[in-house]
Amino acid sequence: MLIGLMQGIGIFYYWTWFIWPFVLIFSLVYSIASLVKDEKASIKPALLASISLLIILAGITGPLMSP
């Protein structure tokens, strides 16, 4: 079941591959900067960075999981 989900995320990555590196970098930098500035840090940019990393890794490993 989870392998099928990863394959679905991988197919989604193939169609939107140009967006996810930028989403990962900008959200990761924003979350680190908000922690350093000592503002009220939000978990949303860190979650967005982790989701974008998941999508990137699913796209990379997707061809290896083909039946």
C-alpha atoms as a PDB file:
ATOM      1  CA  MET A   1       0.000   0.000   0.000  1.00  0.00           C
ATOM      2  CA  LEU A   2       2.726   2.488   0.910  1.00  0.00           C
ATOM      3  CA  ILE A   3       4.771   1.579  -2.155  1.00  0.00           C
ATOM      4  CA  GLY A   4       1.756   2.438  -4.308  1.00  0.00           C
ATOM      5  CA  LEU A   5       1.455   5.760  -2.502  1.00  0.00           C
ATOM      6  CA  MET A   6       5.138   6.481  -3.122  1.00  0.00           C
ATOM      7  CA  GLN A   7       4.682   5.638  -6.807  1.00  0.00           C
ATOM      8  CA  GLY A   8       1.734   8.031  -6.987  1.00  0.00           C
ATOM      9  CA  ILE A   9       3.781  10.788  -5.364  1.00  0.00           C
ATOM     10  CA  GLY A  10       6.585   9.999  -7.804  1.00  0.00           C
ATOM     11  CA  ILE A  11       4.271  10.449 -10.781  1.00  0.00           C
ATOM     12  CA  PHE A  12       3.094  13.751  -9.297  1.00  0.00           C
ATOM     13  CA  TYR A  13       6.764  14.771  -8.977  1.00  0.00           C
ATOM     14  CA  TYR A  14       7.460  13.987 -12.645  1.00  0.00           C
ATOM     15  CA  TRP A  15       4.855  16.527 -13.712  1.00  0.00           C
ATOM     16  CA  THR A  16       5.920  19.223 -11.223  1.00  0.00           C
ATOM     17  CA  TRP A  17       9.666  18.599 -10.821  1.00  0.00           C
ATOM     18  CA  PHE A  18      10.664  22.220 -11.440  1.00  0.00           C
ATOM     19  CA  ILE A  19       8.714  23.567  -8.425  1.00  0.00           C
ATOM     20  CA  TRP A  20       9.898  21.348  -5.569  1.00  0.00           C
ATOM     21  CA  PRO A  21      13.593  22.334  -5.265  1.00  0.00           C
ATOM     22  CA  PHE A  22      12.581  25.973  -4.916  1.00  0.00           C
ATOM     23  CA  VAL A  23       9.857  25.155  -2.391  1.00  0.00           C
ATOM     24  CA  LEU A  24      12.338  23.118  -0.349  1.00  0.00           C
ATOM     25  CA  ILE A  25      15.052  25.776  -0.275  1.00  0.00           C
ATOM     26  CA  PHE A  26      12.818  28.778   0.386  1.00  0.00           C
ATOM     27  CA  SER A  27      10.764  27.100   3.102  1.00  0.00           C
ATOM     28  CA  LEU A  28      13.865  25.693   4.812  1.00  0.00           C
ATOM     29  CA  VAL A  29      15.628  29.054   4.763  1.00  0.00           C
ATOM     30  CA  TYR A  30      12.501  30.821   6.039  1.00  0.00           C
ATOM     31  CA  SER A  31      12.085  28.385   8.915  1.00  0.00           C
ATOM     32  CA  ILE A  32      15.748  28.673   9.940  1.00  0.00           C
ATOM     33  CA  ALA A  33      15.643  32.464   9.670  1.00  0.00           C
ATOM     34  CA  SER A  34      12.551  32.678  11.858  1.00  0.00           C
ATOM     35  CA  LEU A  35      14.267  30.551  14.494  1.00  0.00           C
ATOM     36  CA  VAL A  36      17.393  32.716  14.425  1.00  0.00           C
ATOM     37  CA  LYS A  37      15.467  36.014  14.569  1.00  0.00           C
ATOM     38  CA  ASP A  38      13.830  34.796  17.755  1.00  0.00           C
ATOM     39  CA  GLU A  39      10.392  35.564  16.383  1.00  0.00           C
ATOM     40  CA  LYS A  40       7.399  33.432  17.143  1.00  0.00           C
ATOM     41  CA  ALA A  41       8.590  30.418  15.181  1.00  0.00           C
ATOM     42  CA  SER A  42       5.978  28.543  13.199  1.00  0.00           C
ATOM     43  CA  ILE A  43       6.109  24.882  12.285  1.00  0.00           C
ATOM     44  CA  LYS A  44       4.444  25.459   8.892  1.00  0.00           C
ATOM     45  CA  PRO A  45       7.622  26.249   6.884  1.00  0.00           C
ATOM     46  CA  ALA A  46       9.407  23.250   8.381  1.00  0.00           C
ATOM     47  CA  LEU A  47       6.465  20.998   7.491  1.00  0.00           C
ATOM     48  CA  LEU A  48       6.414  22.389   3.966  1.00  0.00           C
ATOM     49  CA  ALA A  49      10.140  21.711   3.640  1.00  0.00           C
ATOM     50  CA  SER A  50       9.720  18.146   4.856  1.00  0.00           C
ATOM     51  CA  ILE A  51       6.802  17.479   2.496  1.00  0.00           C
ATOM     52  CA  SER A  52       8.719  18.869  -0.464  1.00  0.00           C
ATOM     53  CA  LEU A  53      11.716  16.693   0.448  1.00  0.00           C
ATOM     54  CA  LEU A  54       9.406  13.670   0.604  1.00  0.00           C
ATOM     55  CA  ILE A  55       8.063  14.464  -2.855  1.00  0.00           C
ATOM     56  CA  ILE A  56      11.574  14.900  -4.267  1.00  0.00           C
ATOM     57  CA  LEU A  57      12.805  11.625  -2.787  1.00  0.00           C
ATOM     58  CA  ALA A  58       9.696   9.761  -3.954  1.00  0.00           C
ATOM     59  CA  GLY A  59      10.345  11.058  -7.462  1.00  0.00           C
ATOM     60  CA  ILE A  60      13.942   9.917  -7.359  1.00  0.00           C
ATOM     61  CA  THR A  61      13.213   6.442  -6.017  1.00  0.00           C
ATOM     62  CA  GLY A  62      10.002   5.968  -8.013  1.00  0.00           C
ATOM     63  CA  PRO A  63      11.599   4.202 -10.998  1.00  0.00           C
ATOM     64  CA  LEU A  64      13.298   1.730  -8.658  1.00  0.00           C
ATOM     65  CA  MET A  65       9.957   0.571  -7.227  1.00  0.00           C
ATOM     66  CA  SER A  66       8.303  -0.366 -10.520  1.00  0.00           C
ATOM     67  CA  PRO A  67       6.743  -3.839 -10.608  1.00  0.00           C
END
